[in-house]
Amino acid sequence: MRATLPRVIIAVIAALLVAWFAVLARDDLIGTRAYNRVAKDPGMSRTAWERAIEDLRRADLLSPGKDYEVHRAATLILRDRPAAERLADSIVRREPENVEAWSILIAATRGRNEARFEEAQRAFRRLSTPPRPRRE
């Protein structure tokens, strides 16, 4: 009985990992397809657009990263810049070093919110400027 318990625990952990990887693969498939649909036809119908945005939202299920949230914000720039700004803002509040989210904020706020636009530009420059080599 004692020899069986560790095996059962390992089997349960393995099953949970397989299930999680399956969810991540599902998320990747849904998110990639949605992003590609928008890239191929940014002028798609409103219904198709809303479905693509919802698919990008669904692609975040159990995802440890913010890739599809960033993709969704980038996609929203095409039709709903205030929503893109709100989503990118929420990302940079949680991940202040996320250069992609700052670049989305630049695009979403240009001509609409100058103070936030300038702040986003400063953050983007700070994060994307390579460090200077040290002099010895």
Protein backbone atom coordinates (compact mmCIF):
# COMPACT_ATOMS: atom_id res chain seq x y z
CA MET A 1 0.00 0.00 0.00
CA ARG A 2 2.82 2.42 0.84
CA ALA A 3 4.47 1.89 -2.53
CA THR A 4 1.19 2.64 -4.31
CA LEU A 5 0.54 6.07 -2.76
CA PRO A 6 3.51 7.86 -4.36
CA ARG A 7 2.54 6.39 -7.73
CA VAL A 8 -1.03 7.59 -7.34
CA ILE A 9 0.17 11.07 -6.39
CA ILE A 10 2.51 11.20 -9.39
CA ALA A 11 -0.29 9.97 -11.69
CA VAL A 12 -2.66 12.66 -10.40
CA ILE A 13 -0.03 15.38 -10.85
CA ALA A 14 0.74 14.11 -14.35
CA ALA A 15 -2.97 14.08 -15.25
CA LEU A 16 -3.35 17.66 -14.00
CA LEU A 17 -0.33 18.77 -16.03
CA VAL A 18 -1.65 17.08 -19.16
CA ALA A 19 -5.03 18.78 -18.65
CA TRP A 20 -3.36 22.17 -18.17
CA PHE A 21 -1.23 21.73 -21.29
CA ALA A 22 -4.37 20.76 -23.22
CA VAL A 23 -6.06 23.96 -22.09
CA LEU A 24 -2.99 26.00 -23.10
CA ALA A 25 -2.97 24.33 -26.53
CA ARG A 26 -6.70 25.10 -26.90
CA ASP A 27 -6.08 28.72 -25.88
CA ASP A 28 -3.27 29.05 -28.40
CA LEU A 29 -5.38 27.61 -31.20
CA ILE A 30 -8.36 29.90 -30.45
CA GLY A 31 -6.20 32.99 -29.97
CA THR A 32 -4.05 32.45 -33.04
CA ARG A 33 -7.06 31.85 -35.26
CA ALA A 34 -8.82 34.96 -33.95
CA TYR A 35 -5.75 37.16 -34.37
CA ASN A 36 -5.17 35.83 -37.90
CA ARG A 37 -8.81 36.46 -38.88
CA VAL A 38 -8.47 40.11 -37.87
CA ALA A 39 -5.09 40.45 -39.57
CA LYS A 40 -6.47 39.05 -42.84
CA ASP A 41 -9.67 41.11 -42.78
CA PRO A 42 -9.56 44.14 -40.45
CA GLY A 43 -12.71 45.47 -42.14
CA MET A 44 -14.74 42.38 -41.24
CA SER A 45 -18.39 42.65 -40.23
CA ARG A 46 -19.28 43.81 -36.74
CA THR A 47 -20.46 40.32 -35.81
CA ALA A 48 -17.23 38.70 -37.01
CA TRP A 49 -15.24 41.42 -35.20
CA GLU A 50 -17.05 40.84 -31.91
CA ARG A 51 -16.54 37.08 -32.28
CA ALA A 52 -12.80 37.59 -32.85
CA ILE A 53 -12.51 39.86 -29.80
CA GLU A 54 -14.42 37.32 -27.69
CA ASP A 55 -12.15 34.53 -28.96
CA LEU A 56 -9.10 36.56 -27.92
CA ARG A 57 -10.70 36.95 -24.48
CA ARG A 58 -11.38 33.18 -24.31
CA ALA A 59 -7.76 32.47 -25.26
CA ASP A 60 -6.65 33.82 -21.86
CA LEU A 61 -8.15 30.85 -19.98
CA LEU A 62 -5.54 29.65 -17.46
CA SER A 63 -2.79 31.31 -19.46
CA PRO A 64 0.19 32.33 -17.32
CA GLY A 65 1.09 35.17 -19.70
CA LYS A 66 -0.73 38.17 -21.07
CA ASP A 67 -0.07 37.51 -24.75
CA TYR A 68 -3.69 37.31 -25.88
CA GLU A 69 -4.71 40.17 -23.63
CA VAL A 70 -2.04 42.25 -25.39
CA HIS A 71 -3.23 40.95 -28.77
CA ARG A 72 -6.79 41.91 -27.86
CA ALA A 73 -5.70 45.44 -26.90
CA ALA A 74 -3.74 45.78 -30.14
CA THR A 75 -6.74 44.56 -32.12
CA LEU A 76 -9.10 46.97 -30.34
CA ILE A 77 -7.03 49.91 -31.62
CA LEU A 78 -8.51 49.28 -35.05
CA ARG A 79 -12.11 50.02 -33.95
CA ASP A 80 -12.29 51.05 -30.30
CA ARG A 81 -9.31 53.08 -29.12
CA PRO A 82 -10.84 53.93 -25.69
CA ALA A 83 -11.30 50.19 -25.00
CA ALA A 84 -7.76 49.52 -26.20
CA GLU A 85 -6.50 52.22 -23.83
CA ARG A 86 -8.42 50.77 -20.87
CA LEU A 87 -7.14 47.26 -21.53
CA ALA A 88 -3.53 48.37 -22.09
CA ASP A 89 -3.77 50.48 -18.91
CA SER A 90 -4.85 47.43 -16.93
CA ILE A 91 -1.90 45.47 -18.33
CA VAL A 92 0.71 48.12 -17.48
CA ARG A 93 -0.71 48.48 -13.96
CA ARG A 94 0.01 44.78 -13.42
CA GLU A 95 3.13 44.63 -15.61
CA PRO A 96 4.79 48.05 -15.71
CA GLU A 97 7.69 46.65 -17.77
CA ASN A 98 5.45 45.36 -20.58
CA VAL A 99 6.80 47.31 -23.56
CA GLU A 100 4.10 45.98 -25.90
CA ALA A 101 1.33 47.34 -23.67
CA TRP A 102 3.06 50.73 -23.53
CA SER A 103 3.29 50.78 -27.33
CA ILE A 104 -0.44 50.03 -27.53
CA LEU A 105 -1.07 52.91 -25.12
CA ILE A 106 0.88 55.20 -27.45
CA ALA A 107 -1.33 54.23 -30.38
CA ALA A 108 -4.56 54.29 -28.36
CA THR A 109 -3.97 57.72 -26.78
CA ARG A 110 -2.40 59.59 -29.74
CA GLY A 111 -4.55 62.65 -30.41
CA ARG A 112 -7.00 61.77 -27.61
CA ASN A 113 -5.17 61.96 -24.28
CA GLU A 114 -1.92 63.91 -24.63
CA ALA A 115 -0.76 63.50 -21.03
CA ARG A 116 -1.15 59.72 -21.15
CA PHE A 117 0.35 59.64 -24.66
CA GLU A 118 3.50 61.42 -23.45
CA GLU A 119 3.74 59.19 -20.37
CA ALA A 120 3.45 56.10 -22.58
CA GLN A 121 6.14 57.42 -24.93
CA ARG A 122 8.52 58.02 -22.01
CA ALA A 123 7.90 54.53 -20.62
CA PHE A 124 8.32 52.96 -24.06
CA ARG A 125 11.62 54.77 -24.65
CA ARG A 126 12.89 53.84 -21.19
CA LEU A 127 12.02 50.17 -21.69
CA SER A 128 13.18 49.83 -25.27
CA THR A 129 16.46 51.72 -25.03
CA PRO A 130 19.33 49.26 -24.77
CA PRO A 131 21.56 49.73 -21.75
CA ARG A 132 24.82 51.55 -22.33
CA PRO A 133 27.94 49.46 -22.09
CA ARG A 134 29.89 49.97 -18.90
CA ARG A 135 33.23 51.70 -19.14
CA GLU A 136 35.94 50.18 -17.09
